[in-house]
Protein backbone atom coordinates (compact mmCIF):
# COMPACT_ATOMS: atom_id res chain seq x y z
CA MET A 1 -94.94 133.32 59.61
CA ILE A 2 -98.72 133.60 59.48
CA GLY A 3 -100.01 136.94 60.75
CA ARG A 4 -103.06 139.16 60.49
CA ARG A 5 -103.78 140.27 56.96
CA LYS A 6 -102.82 143.82 56.12
CA LYS A 7 -105.40 144.14 53.32
CA ALA A 8 -109.02 143.03 52.88
CA SER A 9 -109.34 139.56 51.42
CA PRO A 10 -112.30 137.55 50.07
CA LEU A 11 -110.98 134.58 52.04
CA PRO A 12 -112.28 133.67 55.51
CA SER A 13 -110.12 134.13 58.59
CA ARG A 14 -107.11 131.76 58.71
CA VAL A 15 -107.64 130.61 55.12
CA TYR A 16 -104.78 131.08 52.66
CA GLU A 17 -104.05 130.21 49.05
CA LYS A 18 -101.01 128.12 48.18
CA ASN A 19 -100.13 126.25 44.99
CA GLY A 20 -103.59 126.63 43.49
CA ALA A 21 -105.43 125.40 46.60
CA TRP A 22 -107.01 126.90 49.73
CA TYR A 23 -105.82 125.87 53.18
CA PHE A 24 -107.10 126.46 56.70
CA VAL A 25 -104.43 127.15 59.33
CA ASP A 26 -105.55 126.17 62.84
CA ILE A 27 -104.43 127.73 66.12
CA LYS A 28 -101.48 125.31 66.22
CA ARG A 29 -100.42 126.60 62.76
CA LYS A 30 -101.17 123.28 61.11
CA TRP A 31 -102.28 123.54 57.48
CA HIS A 32 -105.45 121.70 56.40
CA LYS A 33 -106.28 121.53 52.69
CA LEU A 34 -109.84 122.59 51.93
CA CYS A 35 -110.23 122.49 48.13
CA ARG A 36 -108.78 123.71 44.86
CA VAL A 37 -109.14 127.40 44.04
CA SER A 38 -110.98 126.43 40.86
CA ASP A 39 -113.72 124.81 42.99
CA GLY A 40 -114.94 128.27 44.01
CA LEU A 41 -115.93 130.06 47.21
CA THR A 42 -119.08 128.00 47.83
CA ARG A 43 -117.03 124.78 48.05
CA LEU A 44 -114.50 126.63 50.23
CA TYR A 45 -117.10 127.62 52.82
CA THR A 46 -118.61 124.12 52.82
CA GLU A 47 -115.25 122.46 53.49
CA LEU A 48 -114.34 125.08 56.07
CA ALA A 49 -117.59 124.49 57.97
CA ALA A 50 -116.90 120.74 57.96
CA ILE A 51 -113.34 121.04 59.25
CA ASN A 52 -114.44 123.44 61.97
CA ARG A 53 -117.07 120.96 63.15
CA ASP A 54 -114.62 118.06 63.06
CA LYS A 55 -111.95 119.90 65.07
CA GLU A 56 -114.39 121.79 67.33
CA VAL A 57 -112.63 125.04 66.54
CA ARG A 58 -114.33 127.83 68.48
CA ASP A 59 -113.63 130.54 65.92
CA ASP A 60 -117.38 131.03 65.72
CA GLU A 61 -117.16 132.96 68.98
CA LEU A 62 -115.13 135.60 67.14
CA MET A 63 -116.60 138.08 64.70
CA ALA A 64 -114.60 136.53 61.86
CA GLY A 65 -116.25 133.16 62.52
CA LEU A 66 -119.72 134.69 62.82
CA ILE A 67 -119.37 136.57 59.54
CA ASP A 68 -118.04 133.47 57.77
CA ALA A 69 -120.97 131.45 59.12
CA TRP A 70 -123.44 134.10 57.99
CA LEU A 71 -121.92 134.19 54.51
CA LEU A 72 -122.22 130.43 54.24
CA ALA A 73 -125.76 130.15 55.60
CA LYS A 74 -127.52 133.32 54.46
CA LEU A 75 -125.76 134.98 51.53
CA ARG A 76 -127.26 132.62 48.96
CA THR A 77 -130.78 133.70 49.94
CA TYR A 78 -130.23 137.10 48.29
CA ALA A 79 -130.28 138.10 44.62
CA ASN A 80 -127.01 137.69 42.70
CA SER A 81 -126.21 141.41 42.58
CA THR A 82 -126.99 141.74 46.29
CA GLN A 83 -124.76 138.76 47.07
CA SER A 84 -121.81 140.47 45.42
CA ASN A 85 -122.38 143.70 47.35
CA TYR A 86 -123.02 142.00 50.69
CA ARG A 87 -119.95 139.78 50.38
CA ALA A 88 -117.72 142.82 49.87
CA MET A 89 -119.40 144.73 52.71
CA ALA A 90 -119.19 141.77 55.11
CA LEU A 91 -115.49 141.42 54.38
CA LYS A 92 -115.03 145.11 55.17
CA ILE A 93 -116.71 144.64 58.54
CA ARG A 94 -114.65 141.52 59.25
CA GLU A 95 -111.45 143.41 58.45
CA ASP A 96 -112.02 145.66 61.48
CA PHE A 97 -113.73 143.19 63.84
CA ALA A 98 -112.10 139.83 62.97
CA ASP A 99 -110.46 139.06 66.33
CA ILE A 100 -113.15 140.56 68.59
CA ARG A 101 -115.48 138.20 70.43
CA VAL A 102 -119.07 138.45 69.25
CA ASP A 103 -120.34 139.10 72.78
CA GLU A 104 -117.83 141.94 73.28
CA VAL A 105 -119.06 144.12 70.41
CA GLN A 106 -120.65 147.26 71.84
CA PRO A 107 -122.76 150.00 70.20
CA MET A 108 -119.83 152.42 70.41
CA ASN A 109 -117.67 149.98 68.39
CA VAL A 110 -120.30 149.92 65.65
CA ALA A 111 -120.65 153.71 65.69
CA ARG A 112 -116.89 154.25 65.47
CA PHE A 113 -116.65 151.88 62.52
CA LEU A 114 -119.40 153.69 60.63
CA ASP A 115 -117.98 157.14 61.44
CA LYS A 116 -114.44 156.08 60.56
CA TYR A 117 -115.25 155.12 56.99
CA TYR A 118 -118.65 156.59 56.10
CA ALA A 119 -119.20 159.75 58.13
CA ASP A 120 -119.57 161.79 54.93
CA LYS A 121 -121.37 159.04 52.96
CA PRO A 122 -124.85 158.69 54.46
CA GLY A 123 -126.00 156.13 51.91
CA TYR A 124 -123.14 153.75 52.62
CA ASN A 125 -123.37 154.49 56.33
CA ASN A 126 -126.96 153.25 56.47
CA LYS A 127 -126.29 150.26 54.22
CA TYR A 128 -123.39 149.06 56.36
CA ARG A 129 -125.41 149.65 59.51
CA ALA A 130 -128.27 147.55 58.10
CA LEU A 131 -125.99 144.67 57.10
CA PHE A 132 -124.12 144.82 60.42
CA SER A 133 -127.47 144.55 62.19
CA VAL A 134 -128.46 141.50 60.13
CA ILE A 135 -125.16 139.77 60.97
CA MET A 136 -125.44 140.53 64.68
CA ALA A 137 -129.04 139.32 64.72
CA TYR A 138 -127.73 136.06 63.30
CA GLY A 139 -125.25 135.98 66.19
CA VAL A 140 -128.16 136.32 68.61
CA ARG A 141 -129.92 133.42 66.94
CA MET A 142 -126.73 131.36 67.16
CA GLY A 143 -126.62 131.97 70.92
CA LEU A 144 -123.41 134.02 70.82
CA ARG A 145 -124.96 137.05 72.53
CA ASN A 146 -128.32 138.17 73.94
CA ASP A 147 -128.85 141.47 72.17
CA ASN A 148 -128.14 143.31 68.94
CA PRO A 149 -125.77 146.27 69.60
CA VAL A 150 -126.41 147.81 66.19
CA ARG A 151 -129.97 148.69 67.20
CA GLU A 152 -128.58 151.22 69.65
CA VAL A 153 -126.85 153.10 66.80
CA SER A 154 -129.17 155.41 64.92
CA GLY A 155 -129.07 155.77 61.17
CA VAL A 156 -128.09 158.99 59.45
CA SER A 157 -130.28 161.27 57.38
CA GLU A 158 -130.05 160.86 53.63
CA LYS A 159 -131.02 163.47 51.10
CA LYS A 160 -134.09 162.20 49.33
CA ARG A 161 -133.34 161.51 45.69
CA ASP A 162 -135.54 163.64 43.42
CA ARG A 163 -133.90 163.19 40.02
CA TYR A 164 -136.52 162.94 37.28
CA ILE A 165 -135.28 161.91 33.84
CA THR A 166 -137.15 163.92 31.24
CA ASP A 167 -138.45 162.47 27.98
CA ALA A 168 -135.85 164.45 26.04
CA GLU A 169 -133.04 163.12 28.22
CA LEU A 170 -134.27 159.56 27.79
CA THR A 171 -134.29 160.02 24.01
CA ALA A 172 -130.73 161.37 24.13
CA ILE A 173 -129.61 158.38 26.20
CA LYS A 174 -131.14 155.88 23.77
CA GLU A 175 -129.47 157.63 20.85
CA ALA A 176 -126.10 157.60 22.63
CA ALA A 177 -126.51 153.87 23.29
CA CYS A 178 -126.50 153.14 19.56
CA PHE A 179 -123.18 154.66 18.45
CA ASP A 180 -119.84 155.61 19.99
CA ASP A 181 -118.57 159.19 19.78
CA ARG A 182 -115.75 158.61 17.32
CA ASP A 183 -115.57 160.31 13.96
CA PRO A 184 -117.24 158.71 12.09
CA PRO A 185 -119.47 157.07 14.74
CA ARG A 186 -119.47 153.29 14.89
CA PRO A 187 -122.45 151.16 15.97
CA LEU A 188 -122.18 149.54 19.38
CA PRO A 189 -122.82 145.78 19.68
CA SER A 190 -124.76 146.27 22.92
CA ALA A 191 -127.21 148.80 21.41
CA ARG A 192 -130.07 146.40 20.62
CA ALA A 193 -130.14 144.69 24.00
CA PHE A 194 -129.50 147.82 26.04
CA ASN A 195 -132.16 149.95 24.37
CA ALA A 196 -134.61 147.08 24.85
CA LEU A 197 -133.63 147.03 28.52
CA ILE A 198 -134.25 150.78 28.83
CA ASP A 199 -137.66 150.52 27.16
CA LEU A 200 -138.66 147.55 29.31
CA ALA A 201 -137.57 149.42 32.43
CA TYR A 202 -139.81 152.35 31.51
CA LEU A 203 -142.80 150.39 30.20
CA THR A 204 -142.95 147.95 33.11
CA ALA A 205 -141.41 150.04 35.94
CA GLN A 206 -139.58 146.93 37.18
CA ARG A 207 -136.18 146.77 38.83
CA ILE A 208 -133.08 146.14 36.75
CA GLY A 209 -132.37 142.81 38.47
CA ASP A 210 -135.82 141.46 37.59
CA LEU A 211 -135.51 142.68 33.99
CA LEU A 212 -132.13 141.01 33.54
CA ALA A 213 -133.48 137.77 35.06
CA LEU A 214 -136.45 137.76 32.68
CA ASN A 215 -136.71 134.71 30.38
CA TRP A 216 -138.75 134.16 27.26
CA ALA A 217 -140.67 131.51 29.20
CA ASP A 218 -142.11 134.40 31.24
CA VAL A 219 -143.52 136.06 28.10
CA SER A 220 -146.89 135.10 26.61
CA ASP A 221 -149.60 136.67 24.49
CA ASP A 222 -151.22 137.83 27.73
CA GLY A 223 -148.15 139.74 28.89
CA ILE A 224 -144.97 139.41 30.94
CA LEU A 225 -144.96 137.58 34.26
CA PHE A 226 -142.64 139.05 36.90
CA ARG A 227 -141.67 137.55 40.25
CA PRO A 228 -139.88 140.49 41.92
CA ALA A 229 -136.82 139.14 43.74
CA LYS A 230 -136.90 141.92 46.33
CA THR A 231 -140.35 140.90 47.61
CA VAL A 232 -140.14 137.14 47.15
CA ASN A 233 -139.64 136.61 50.89
CA SER A 234 -142.07 139.34 52.02
CA SER A 235 -145.24 139.99 50.03
CA GLY A 236 -144.45 137.30 47.45
CA VAL A 237 -146.27 139.36 44.84
CA ARG A 238 -146.37 138.20 41.23
CA LEU A 239 -147.16 140.65 38.45
CA LEU A 240 -148.59 139.97 35.02
CA ILE A 241 -148.03 143.13 33.00
CA ALA A 242 -150.52 143.00 30.15
CA MET A 243 -149.24 143.02 26.59
CA ASN A 244 -149.69 146.17 24.53
CA PRO A 245 -148.24 147.31 21.16
CA ASP A 246 -145.29 149.18 22.72
CA LEU A 247 -144.38 146.21 24.88
CA ARG A 248 -144.65 143.85 21.91
CA ASP A 249 -142.42 146.11 19.77
CA THR A 250 -139.83 146.24 22.56
CA LEU A 251 -139.79 142.45 22.89
CA ASP A 252 -139.44 142.08 19.12
CA ALA A 253 -136.51 144.50 19.22
CA ALA A 254 -134.92 142.44 22.00
CA LYS A 255 -135.06 139.37 19.75
CA GLY A 256 -133.07 141.19 17.09
CA GLY A 257 -134.84 139.42 14.23
CA LYS A 258 -134.19 135.97 15.69
CA VAL A 259 -136.76 133.31 16.48
CA VAL A 260 -136.31 132.55 20.17
CA SER A 261 -138.52 130.89 22.76
CA ILE A 262 -136.06 130.07 25.52
CA GLY A 263 -133.23 131.84 27.32
CA PRO A 264 -132.91 135.43 28.57
CA VAL A 265 -134.95 138.25 27.07
CA ILE A 266 -132.05 140.70 27.51
CA SER A 267 -129.10 138.93 25.92
CA LEU A 268 -125.83 139.99 24.35
CA ALA A 269 -124.86 139.32 20.75
CA GLY A 270 -123.63 135.82 21.59
CA GLY A 271 -126.86 134.92 23.38
CA SER A 272 -125.51 135.13 26.94
CA ARG A 273 -127.46 136.97 29.62
CA MET A 274 -126.48 140.58 30.28
CA THR A 275 -125.15 140.89 33.83
CA TYR A 276 -125.99 143.55 36.39
CA LYS A 277 -122.39 144.75 36.37
CA SER A 278 -122.18 145.09 32.58
CA ALA A 279 -125.58 146.80 32.38
CA ASN A 280 -124.52 149.43 34.92
CA LYS A 281 -121.23 149.95 33.10
CA ILE A 282 -123.04 150.44 29.78
CA TRP A 283 -125.49 152.86 31.43
CA THR A 284 -122.67 154.96 32.91
CA ARG A 285 -120.76 155.13 29.64
CA THR A 286 -123.91 155.90 27.67
CA CYS A 287 -124.85 158.80 29.96
CA GLU A 288 -121.33 160.19 29.71
CA ARG A 289 -121.40 159.89 25.92
CA ALA A 290 -124.78 161.63 25.74
CA ARG A 291 -123.49 164.46 27.92
CA ARG A 292 -120.36 164.94 25.75
CA LYS A 293 -122.51 165.12 22.63
CA TYR A 294 -124.76 167.70 24.29
CA GLU A 295 -121.77 169.85 25.34
CA LYS A 296 -120.37 169.77 21.80
CA GLU A 297 -123.72 170.88 20.43
CA CYS A 298 -123.82 173.75 22.95
CA GLU A 299 -120.29 174.77 21.99
CA LYS A 300 -121.23 174.92 18.30
CA ALA A 301 -124.34 176.94 19.10
CA GLY A 302 -122.45 179.26 21.42
CA THR A 303 -124.69 178.52 24.38
CA LYS A 304 -123.86 177.54 27.96
CA PRO A 305 -124.61 173.90 28.83
CA ASP A 306 -127.17 173.22 31.54
CA ALA A 307 -125.17 171.71 34.43
CA ARG A 308 -128.03 169.35 35.36
CA TRP A 309 -128.88 168.12 31.88
CA LEU A 310 -127.87 164.47 31.33
CA THR A 311 -125.99 164.30 34.65
CA ASP A 312 -126.57 162.50 37.96
CA MET A 313 -128.72 159.79 36.41
CA HIS A 314 -129.06 156.29 37.84
CA PHE A 315 -130.66 153.40 36.01
CA HIS A 316 -133.04 153.03 38.95
CA ASP A 317 -134.33 156.53 38.16
CA LEU A 318 -136.17 154.94 35.21
CA ARG A 319 -138.41 153.12 37.68
CA ALA A 320 -139.14 156.41 39.44
CA LYS A 321 -139.86 158.10 36.11
CA ALA A 322 -142.20 155.31 35.03
CA LEU A 323 -144.17 155.37 38.29
CA THR A 324 -144.34 159.17 38.30
CA ASP A 325 -145.62 159.24 34.72
CA LYS A 326 -148.11 156.44 35.47
CA GLN A 327 -149.46 158.35 38.45
CA ARG A 328 -149.86 161.55 36.44
CA VAL A 329 -151.95 159.79 33.80
CA GLU A 330 -153.87 157.11 35.71
CA GLY A 331 -153.55 157.99 39.40
CA ALA A 332 -151.74 156.73 42.48
CA ALA A 333 -153.55 153.37 42.61
CA ALA A 334 -152.42 152.46 39.10
CA ALA A 335 -148.83 153.41 39.91
CA GLN A 336 -148.91 151.31 43.09
CA ALA A 337 -150.25 148.30 41.18
CA LEU A 338 -147.57 148.60 38.49
CA ALA A 339 -144.83 148.85 41.12
CA GLY A 340 -146.10 145.79 42.97
CA HIS A 341 -146.06 147.71 46.25
CA THR A 342 -148.19 146.60 49.19
CA THR A 343 -148.76 150.16 50.44
CA ALA A 344 -149.32 153.55 48.84
CA ALA A 345 -146.54 154.99 51.00
CA MET A 346 -143.96 152.79 49.26
CA THR A 347 -145.03 154.13 45.87
CA ALA A 348 -145.03 157.70 47.18
CA HIS A 349 -141.36 157.21 48.10
CA TYR A 350 -140.66 157.12 44.36
CA THR A 351 -143.16 159.66 43.09
CA LYS A 352 -143.64 162.37 45.72
CA SER A 353 -140.22 164.00 45.42
CA ARG A 354 -140.42 163.95 41.62
CA GLU A 355 -143.98 165.14 41.17
CA VAL A 356 -144.42 168.82 40.34
CA GLU A 357 -147.68 170.43 41.44
CA THR A 358 -149.08 173.01 39.04
CA VAL A 359 -150.72 176.01 40.69
CA THR A 360 -152.09 179.30 39.41
CA PRO A 361 -150.69 182.66 40.50
CA LEU A 362 -152.64 185.50 42.07
CA THR A 363 -153.82 188.39 39.93
CA LEU A 364 -152.65 191.94 40.45
CA LYS A 365 -155.19 194.35 41.83
CA ARG A 366 -155.11 197.34 39.58
CA SER A 367 -156.78 200.65 40.32
CA SER A 368 -159.43 201.60 37.80
């Protein structure tokens, strides 16, 4: 018997796997073969859209159908890492709203969903709200309803991130990226590529996705040409970051002594491109390893470890550090240009909470 799924699944509504293939089960419980599992999700959605058109199945009036249609039509327009996150988030929304008609979704339904799962997670709460709004706006465009109910649900306040990675912490991270913490330490195969990634992130202040997508074809004697994926559909800005000795040394280190002119700048030992997932995993493990080394050194010295030192660090904090340092040396306009931001306010979002203003104290009035 086919029933409602008990657990979240990457498969669209009424699609099931059997004998290495995906099948669509219509309302009469008839099985229609879509494609082999090995063909992938893109082929699955294409075949599903075709069979729905042929049979005039009105599943698109349900939230499950709307979300499936959005995944097929819009997901590919986002960066690869965003696609992975949005697919998982969309499936989570569909899990709760699958059998509800699109025109029956009310603001209170959206609010209850967000409060049910993310009441104590403001970051996720706002991210799910934003994606939900995008999907419902697509429903409006498809003529399935006349308004967007998510707009009536306010976002939640998030604590502004103010973590600034110090120069000493960055040095400790780069050292920890080279060797594991065994006795004796052994070199890590990812050290060359990952330290080059860290240095590029600081020198250029670009996002991790754009750094990982960088190819040698984008590098010339003039500098490195970036086409930020996040702004490709908005400002469309392109950045040529001029070559300097530090940037040249970092690029040479990324090559690892090899003569290369094609392929990814940040590559693993075998030459394959480092993925967003693996880069984040390496960053997390490296920070943990650096912290353990620091705690051991404190134990030997008989001192108490600083609870904030080498903790709560995100890779994206390197962009904030770079822009903050750039602003301190060359001013806000230079930081804005390096970031590729269209407004000074966008740059201030990164730098204001991390900038420390130096002031002088008053002097004591002493009686003569």
